[in-house]
Amino acid sequence: MIEIKNLKKEYPNVTPLKDVSVTIHEGDVISVIGPSGTGKSTLIRCMNLLETPTSGQIIVDGKDITAKGADVKKIRQNMGMVFQSFNLFGHLTVIENLMLAPMDLLGKSRQEAYDKGMELLKRVGLANKALNYPDELSGGQKQRVAIARTLAMDPDVILLDEPTSALDPTMVSEVQAVIRDLSKSGKTMLIVTHEMNFARSISNRVFYMDEGGIYEDGTPEEIFDHPSRELTRRFIKKLKVFETVIDSKDYDFIGFGAELDRYLMQNDVPGEVKYRIRLAIEELVQQILLPIYEEPFIRITAEYSSESGECGIIVSYKGEAFDIKDSDNTLSLSLLQNTAKKIEYSFDEGSDEPNRIRILIRNGGMR
């Protein structure tokens, strides 16, 4: 079992990990996903001390590996790392790459290291490449050798940092097949990946990283089908987001319209959908909500999915409970309903903006 407690890693100009606390159980296969720059690689590099944490603890089987005097070499023997750039020794043959560390670090005889190396090369489908040099292999073959080299140390934990990102698309599947087979071995694995379908199929847990830590932790079904937190939902659904806050009756709606148009144009939103978004916001915000609030605070969020083509508008606002269906502005309500596939209202008394309306914009013809 691995316990990470209040892990922080900061550099002079950025702090990718602000406060990470999580428990990883033996045999967990965890995919680590999230936008670029959110600390995914930093997390696993801290776990095997390729990066020294600024503060916090990493406790493996009851031992704090971040403590002063910890045996870093032994830690790395038990926690193997597979890099996106292979890191094979070019002057050694494939089998020599696999034999080197077991002989130097584990004290295995040359014959023992050779036999184990050949066994692992067979496992990754490359026994016939044992005497080749790395520059004679394809990218996919190099990565399979790199995985076999990691397994040669028989680590308890395997960390994989974007293992397919440097590969030609035609080679990705062969490496994924090896990792998928490895995931059934019972070893604990953390895999940093941008391949969402792969992450879903191989893992029993998924970490979504954002805002300096593990923003959401759940099963593949929870993360990919029913994410509970907003940034996870946006990432999974590939949502492009535009947001603004209206806090005055004199708000600059002309400037707002220009910014909204720029967002819609950048994301290639179809013309008819653009029209409905503008109409929905105008009728909901300017015609229904603004007239009833002396000191408005209205947050408008537009979301467009480049994957599904769906567009939604979320409007949240302060004040007493007010469902727009109770408005006496029947014309605006009618226009709003004509632009929408679905309109949902909710009220959360404990929220800063307790009123919330979600509108799913209609893609087809107007009613």
Protein backbone atom coordinates (compact mmCIF):
# COMPACT_ATOMS: atom_id res chain seq x y z
CA MET A 1 0.00 0.00 0.00
CA ILE A 2 1.15 3.54 -0.79
CA GLU A 3 0.03 6.53 1.25
CA ILE A 4 0.70 10.00 -0.09
CA LYS A 5 0.23 12.72 2.52
CA ASN A 6 0.15 16.46 1.78
CA LEU A 7 2.59 16.11 -1.11
CA LYS A 8 3.80 19.40 -2.54
CA LYS A 9 6.19 20.11 -5.38
CA GLU A 10 7.05 23.64 -6.35
CA TYR A 11 9.48 25.16 -8.85
CA PRO A 12 10.57 28.81 -9.01
CA ASN A 13 7.69 29.85 -11.28
CA VAL A 14 5.04 27.16 -10.83
CA THR A 15 3.62 24.74 -8.24
CA PRO A 16 2.21 21.72 -10.10
CA LEU A 17 1.40 19.82 -6.88
CA LYS A 18 -0.05 21.91 -4.06
CA ASP A 19 -1.44 19.34 -1.64
CA VAL A 20 -1.89 15.72 -2.72
CA SER A 21 -3.18 13.13 -0.25
CA VAL A 22 -4.32 9.72 -1.47
CA THR A 23 -4.07 6.02 -0.68
CA ILE A 24 -3.09 3.55 -3.41
CA HIS A 25 -3.91 -0.08 -2.68
CA GLU A 26 -1.88 -3.09 -3.72
CA GLY A 27 -2.94 -4.25 -7.18
CA ASP A 28 -4.59 -0.94 -8.13
CA VAL A 29 -4.30 -0.07 -11.82
CA ILE A 30 -4.73 3.70 -11.91
CA SER A 31 -4.90 5.91 -14.98
CA VAL A 32 -3.83 9.50 -14.32
CA ILE A 33 -5.58 11.92 -16.68
CA GLY A 34 -6.08 15.66 -16.99
CA PRO A 35 -5.01 18.72 -18.99
CA SER A 36 -1.36 19.36 -19.77
CA GLY A 37 0.56 21.05 -16.97
CA THR A 38 -1.56 19.76 -14.09
CA GLY A 39 1.19 17.72 -12.41
CA LYS A 40 0.47 14.21 -13.74
CA SER A 41 4.06 13.37 -14.62
CA THR A 42 5.35 15.30 -11.61
CA LEU A 43 3.27 13.08 -9.32
CA ILE A 44 4.72 9.79 -10.51
CA ARG A 45 8.24 11.23 -10.76
CA CYS A 46 7.96 12.26 -7.11
CA MET A 47 6.78 8.76 -6.23
CA ASN A 48 10.07 7.19 -7.29
CA LEU A 49 12.09 10.27 -6.25
CA LEU A 50 13.17 11.32 -9.72
CA GLU A 51 11.80 14.62 -8.43
CA THR A 52 12.34 15.53 -4.80
CA PRO A 53 9.09 16.65 -3.17
CA THR A 54 9.12 20.11 -1.63
CA SER A 55 7.15 18.78 1.34
CA GLY A 56 4.85 15.96 2.36
CA GLN A 57 5.31 12.22 2.72
CA ILE A 58 5.19 9.13 0.51
CA ILE A 59 4.80 6.02 2.64
CA VAL A 60 5.29 2.64 0.96
CA ASP A 61 4.40 -0.42 3.03
CA GLY A 62 4.80 1.60 6.21
CA LYS A 63 8.16 3.18 5.29
CA ASP A 64 8.49 6.89 4.53
CA ILE A 65 10.57 6.96 1.36
CA THR A 66 10.85 10.77 1.54
CA ALA A 67 12.54 10.62 4.94
CA LYS A 68 16.15 11.74 5.24
CA GLY A 69 18.54 8.88 4.58
CA ALA A 70 16.06 6.77 2.58
CA ASP A 71 17.75 4.32 0.21
CA VAL A 72 16.84 5.84 -3.18
CA LYS A 73 18.39 2.99 -5.20
CA LYS A 74 16.35 0.39 -3.35
CA ILE A 75 13.20 2.49 -3.72
CA ARG A 76 13.66 2.64 -7.48
CA GLN A 77 14.21 -1.12 -7.64
CA ASN A 78 10.75 -1.64 -6.15
CA MET A 79 9.12 1.12 -8.19
CA GLY A 80 9.92 0.77 -11.88
CA MET A 81 9.49 3.61 -14.35
CA VAL A 82 8.64 3.52 -18.06
CA PHE A 83 9.33 6.81 -19.85
CA GLN A 84 7.77 8.19 -23.01
CA SER A 85 11.24 8.53 -24.59
CA PHE A 86 12.32 4.86 -24.03
CA ASN A 87 15.78 5.71 -22.54
CA LEU A 88 17.42 2.56 -23.89
CA PHE A 89 21.22 2.34 -24.08
CA GLY A 90 22.04 2.63 -27.77
CA HIS A 91 25.42 0.90 -27.49
CA LEU A 92 23.90 -2.24 -25.95
CA THR A 93 21.81 -4.92 -27.62
CA VAL A 94 18.20 -5.41 -26.55
CA ILE A 95 19.01 -8.34 -24.28
CA GLU A 96 21.99 -6.47 -22.79
CA ASN A 97 19.66 -3.57 -21.95
CA LEU A 98 17.51 -6.01 -19.97
CA MET A 99 20.45 -7.77 -18.25
CA LEU A 100 22.37 -4.71 -17.05
CA ALA A 101 20.35 -3.57 -14.00
CA PRO A 102 19.57 -7.05 -12.59
CA MET A 103 23.28 -7.89 -12.69
CA ASP A 104 24.49 -4.55 -11.26
CA LEU A 105 21.74 -3.89 -8.71
CA LEU A 106 20.30 -7.29 -7.84
CA GLY A 107 23.51 -9.28 -8.06
CA LYS A 108 22.13 -11.79 -10.54
CA SER A 109 24.53 -13.92 -12.56
CA ARG A 110 24.88 -13.29 -16.26
CA GLN A 111 23.00 -16.51 -17.03
CA GLU A 112 20.15 -15.68 -14.62
CA ALA A 113 19.81 -12.19 -16.09
CA TYR A 114 19.87 -13.58 -19.64
CA ASP A 115 17.24 -16.24 -18.93
CA LYS A 116 14.94 -13.72 -17.25
CA GLY A 117 15.51 -11.21 -20.04
CA MET A 118 14.61 -13.72 -22.75
CA GLU A 119 11.50 -14.74 -20.81
CA LEU A 120 10.37 -11.12 -20.69
CA LEU A 121 11.17 -10.49 -24.35
CA LYS A 122 8.94 -13.45 -25.22
CA ARG A 123 6.23 -11.93 -23.06
CA VAL A 124 6.32 -8.67 -25.03
CA GLY A 125 6.67 -10.47 -28.36
CA LEU A 126 10.26 -9.48 -29.12
CA ALA A 127 12.40 -12.58 -28.44
CA ASN A 128 13.59 -12.46 -32.05
CA LYS A 129 15.02 -8.94 -31.49
CA ALA A 130 17.27 -9.90 -28.55
CA LEU A 131 20.51 -9.29 -30.47
CA ASN A 132 19.37 -6.16 -32.25
CA TYR A 133 20.39 -2.66 -31.20
CA PRO A 134 17.74 -0.08 -30.24
CA ASP A 135 18.21 2.00 -33.41
CA GLU A 136 17.19 -1.08 -35.42
CA LEU A 137 13.75 -1.15 -33.77
CA SER A 138 10.53 0.76 -34.40
CA GLY A 139 9.21 3.13 -31.75
CA GLY A 140 6.63 0.61 -30.61
CA GLN A 141 9.27 -2.10 -30.31
CA LYS A 142 11.55 0.20 -28.32
CA GLN A 143 8.76 0.93 -25.86
CA ARG A 144 7.99 -2.77 -25.46
CA VAL A 145 11.68 -3.36 -24.71
CA ALA A 146 11.58 -0.51 -22.18
CA ILE A 147 8.62 -2.17 -20.44
CA ALA A 148 10.44 -5.52 -20.40
CA ARG A 149 13.53 -3.81 -18.95
CA THR A 150 11.42 -2.39 -16.13
CA LEU A 151 9.92 -5.83 -15.44
CA ALA A 152 13.42 -7.35 -15.28
CA MET A 153 13.82 -5.71 -11.87
CA ASP A 154 10.57 -7.35 -10.69
CA PRO A 155 9.23 -4.13 -9.14
CA ASP A 156 6.16 -4.10 -6.89
CA VAL A 157 4.95 -0.85 -8.47
CA ILE A 158 5.17 0.20 -12.12
CA LEU A 159 4.88 3.85 -13.15
CA LEU A 160 4.29 4.65 -16.82
CA ASP A 161 4.67 8.24 -18.02
CA GLU A 162 2.75 8.75 -21.28
CA PRO A 163 4.06 5.43 -22.65
CA THR A 164 2.47 5.89 -26.09
CA SER A 165 2.74 9.66 -26.63
CA ALA A 166 6.02 9.49 -28.60
CA LEU A 167 4.77 6.76 -30.92
CA ASP A 168 3.38 6.80 -34.42
CA PRO A 169 -0.39 6.12 -34.18
CA THR A 170 0.08 2.78 -35.95
CA MET A 171 2.34 1.58 -33.11
CA VAL A 172 0.19 2.65 -30.16
CA SER A 173 -1.97 -0.47 -30.11
CA GLU A 174 0.98 -2.89 -29.80
CA VAL A 175 2.27 -1.10 -26.69
CA GLN A 176 -1.20 -0.82 -25.22
CA ALA A 177 -1.66 -4.57 -25.68
CA VAL A 178 1.48 -5.24 -23.62
CA ILE A 179 0.35 -2.84 -20.87
CA ARG A 180 -3.14 -4.36 -20.88
CA ASP A 181 -1.60 -7.81 -20.38
CA LEU A 182 0.63 -6.44 -17.63
CA SER A 183 -2.37 -4.91 -15.83
CA LYS A 184 -3.68 -8.44 -15.18
CA SER A 185 -0.50 -9.47 -13.34
CA GLY A 186 -1.57 -8.09 -9.96
CA LYS A 187 1.15 -5.45 -9.85
CA THR A 188 0.29 -1.92 -8.74
CA MET A 189 0.37 0.43 -11.73
CA LEU A 190 -0.02 4.16 -12.34
CA ILE A 191 -0.31 5.18 -15.99
CA VAL A 192 -0.21 8.81 -17.09
CA THR A 193 -2.11 8.90 -20.37
CA HIS A 194 -4.12 11.06 -22.75
CA GLU A 195 -5.74 7.98 -24.32
CA MET A 196 -9.18 8.07 -22.70
CA ASN A 197 -10.55 4.83 -24.17
CA PHE A 198 -7.40 3.02 -23.06
CA ALA A 199 -7.64 4.52 -19.56
CA ARG A 200 -11.24 3.44 -19.29
CA SER A 201 -10.57 -0.14 -20.38
CA ILE A 202 -7.46 -0.86 -18.35
CA SER A 203 -8.04 0.78 -14.94
CA ASN A 204 -9.91 0.05 -11.76
CA ARG A 205 -9.35 3.68 -10.66
CA VAL A 206 -8.87 6.98 -12.44
CA PHE A 207 -7.25 10.14 -11.05
CA TYR A 208 -8.35 13.35 -12.76
CA MET A 209 -5.71 15.97 -11.95
CA ASP A 210 -6.33 19.71 -11.90
CA GLU A 211 -5.94 22.71 -9.59
CA GLY A 212 -2.68 21.40 -8.14
CA GLY A 213 -3.79 17.94 -7.10
CA ILE A 214 -6.08 14.97 -7.57
CA TYR A 215 -9.27 16.88 -8.33
CA GLU A 216 -11.43 13.74 -8.61
CA ASP A 217 -10.75 10.06 -7.86
CA GLY A 218 -13.16 7.34 -8.92
CA THR A 219 -13.87 4.24 -10.94
CA PRO A 220 -13.74 4.51 -14.74
CA GLU A 221 -17.56 4.52 -14.80
CA GLU A 222 -17.73 7.32 -12.24
CA ILE A 223 -15.13 9.50 -13.96
CA PHE A 224 -16.09 8.92 -17.59
CA ASP A 225 -19.86 8.48 -17.31
CA HIS A 226 -20.87 10.33 -14.15
CA PRO A 227 -18.18 12.83 -13.12
CA SER A 228 -19.26 14.61 -9.95
CA ARG A 229 -17.11 17.73 -10.28
CA GLU A 230 -17.31 20.50 -12.85
CA LEU A 231 -13.75 20.53 -14.25
CA THR A 232 -13.79 16.76 -14.66
CA ARG A 233 -17.06 16.97 -16.57
CA ARG A 234 -15.69 19.65 -18.87
CA PHE A 235 -12.52 17.69 -19.58
CA ILE A 236 -14.27 14.35 -20.23
CA LYS A 237 -16.87 15.90 -22.51
CA LYS A 238 -14.21 18.03 -24.25
CA LEU A 239 -16.13 21.17 -23.43
CA LYS A 240 -14.88 24.58 -24.53
CA VAL A 241 -16.07 27.08 -21.94
CA PHE A 242 -16.90 30.79 -21.99
CA GLU A 243 -17.81 32.52 -18.73
CA THR A 244 -18.69 36.00 -17.55
CA VAL A 245 -20.35 37.64 -14.54
CA ILE A 246 -22.97 40.38 -14.76
CA ASP A 247 -22.86 42.44 -11.55
CA SER A 248 -24.52 45.68 -12.62
CA LYS A 249 -27.61 46.85 -14.48
CA ASP A 250 -25.18 48.98 -16.52
CA TYR A 251 -23.17 45.96 -17.61
CA ASP A 252 -21.49 46.32 -21.03
CA PHE A 253 -23.62 43.94 -23.10
CA ILE A 254 -22.09 45.16 -26.36
CA GLY A 255 -18.62 44.10 -25.18
CA PHE A 256 -20.06 40.87 -23.84
CA GLY A 257 -21.66 40.12 -27.22
CA ALA A 258 -18.34 40.67 -29.01
CA GLU A 259 -16.51 38.29 -26.62
CA LEU A 260 -19.25 35.69 -26.97
CA ASP A 261 -19.09 35.92 -30.79
CA ARG A 262 -15.33 35.45 -30.68
CA TYR A 263 -15.70 32.32 -28.54
CA LEU A 264 -18.38 30.88 -30.85
CA MET A 265 -16.28 31.61 -33.95
CA GLN A 266 -13.11 30.08 -32.48
CA ASN A 267 -14.98 26.86 -31.77
CA ASP A 268 -16.72 26.67 -35.17
CA VAL A 269 -20.19 26.69 -33.64
CA PRO A 270 -22.78 26.39 -36.46
CA GLY A 271 -24.60 29.60 -37.42
CA GLU A 272 -28.08 28.53 -36.32
CA VAL A 273 -26.75 27.38 -32.94
CA LYS A 274 -24.92 30.71 -32.49
CA TYR A 275 -28.21 32.53 -33.06
CA ARG A 276 -30.02 30.41 -30.47
CA ILE A 277 -27.27 30.90 -27.87
CA ARG A 278 -27.44 34.68 -28.26
CA LEU A 279 -31.24 34.63 -28.19
CA ALA A 280 -31.39 32.39 -25.11
CA ILE A 281 -28.98 34.61 -23.15
CA GLU A 282 -30.75 37.80 -24.20
CA GLU A 283 -34.22 36.56 -23.24
CA LEU A 284 -33.16 34.85 -20.02
CA VAL A 285 -30.72 37.41 -18.67
CA GLN A 286 -31.67 40.78 -20.12
CA GLN A 287 -35.44 40.33 -20.36
CA ILE A 288 -36.31 38.04 -17.43
CA LEU A 289 -33.61 38.22 -14.72
CA LEU A 290 -32.14 41.74 -14.84
CA PRO A 291 -35.48 43.57 -14.43
CA ILE A 292 -36.20 41.85 -11.09
CA TYR A 293 -32.82 42.48 -9.37
CA GLU A 294 -31.68 45.90 -8.16
CA GLU A 295 -28.13 44.59 -7.52
CA PRO A 296 -27.71 41.64 -9.87
CA PHE A 297 -25.04 38.97 -9.65
CA ILE A 298 -25.55 36.63 -12.60
CA ARG A 299 -22.92 34.17 -13.81
CA ILE A 300 -23.23 33.02 -17.42
CA THR A 301 -21.33 29.94 -18.59
CA ALA A 302 -21.53 28.70 -22.19
CA GLU A 303 -20.21 25.21 -22.96
CA TYR A 304 -19.65 23.74 -26.40
CA SER A 305 -18.58 20.13 -26.97
CA SER A 306 -16.33 19.74 -30.00
CA GLU A 307 -16.99 16.00 -29.79
CA SER A 308 -20.80 15.86 -29.71
CA GLY A 309 -21.67 19.31 -31.06
CA GLU A 310 -23.91 19.93 -28.04
CA CYS A 311 -24.05 23.39 -26.53
CA GLY A 312 -25.32 24.26 -23.07
CA ILE A 313 -25.78 27.47 -21.11
CA ILE A 314 -25.61 27.56 -17.32
CA VAL A 315 -26.88 30.69 -15.59
CA SER A 316 -26.48 30.93 -11.82
CA TYR A 317 -27.57 33.92 -9.76
CA LYS A 318 -27.83 35.22 -6.22
CA GLY A 319 -31.05 35.99 -4.42
CA GLU A 320 -34.18 34.27 -3.20
CA ALA A 321 -35.45 31.24 -5.07
CA PHE A 322 -36.80 32.30 -8.44
CA ASP A 323 -37.73 29.82 -11.16
CA ILE A 324 -38.06 31.60 -14.50
CA LYS A 325 -41.18 29.53 -15.21
CA ASP A 326 -42.87 31.81 -12.66
CA SER A 327 -42.01 34.91 -14.70
CA ASP A 328 -44.88 36.93 -16.14
CA ASN A 329 -42.79 37.67 -19.24
CA THR A 330 -44.56 35.09 -21.38
CA LEU A 331 -43.04 36.32 -24.65
CA SER A 332 -39.45 35.83 -23.47
CA LEU A 333 -40.36 32.47 -21.95
CA SER A 334 -41.86 31.34 -25.24
CA LEU A 335 -38.79 32.45 -27.23
CA LEU A 336 -36.48 30.80 -24.71
CA GLN A 337 -38.36 27.51 -24.82
CA ASN A 338 -38.22 27.56 -28.60
CA THR A 339 -34.39 27.68 -28.55
CA ALA A 340 -33.99 24.91 -26.00
CA LYS A 341 -34.06 21.15 -26.03
CA LYS A 342 -34.19 21.15 -22.22
CA ILE A 343 -34.43 23.75 -19.43
CA GLU A 344 -33.68 22.71 -15.84
CA TYR A 345 -33.93 24.87 -12.72
CA SER A 346 -32.50 24.07 -9.28
CA PHE A 347 -32.01 25.93 -6.01
CA ASP A 348 -29.21 25.20 -3.52
CA GLU A 349 -29.62 27.29 -0.39
CA GLY A 350 -26.03 26.67 0.71
CA SER A 351 -24.46 27.95 -2.51
CA ASP A 352 -23.13 31.47 -3.14
CA GLU A 353 -25.28 31.52 -6.27
CA PRO A 354 -28.19 29.34 -5.19
CA ASN A 355 -30.34 29.71 -8.31
CA ARG A 356 -29.14 27.66 -11.26
CA ILE A 357 -30.62 27.24 -14.73
CA ARG A 358 -29.18 24.83 -17.27
CA ILE A 359 -30.29 25.14 -20.89
CA LEU A 360 -29.41 22.61 -23.56
CA ILE A 361 -29.56 24.43 -26.89
CA ARG A 362 -31.58 22.87 -29.69
CA ASN A 363 -29.54 21.65 -32.69
CA GLY A 364 -32.41 20.90 -35.05
CA GLY A 365 -35.05 23.13 -36.60
CA MET A 366 -36.99 25.64 -34.52
CA ARG A 367 -40.40 24.61 -33.26
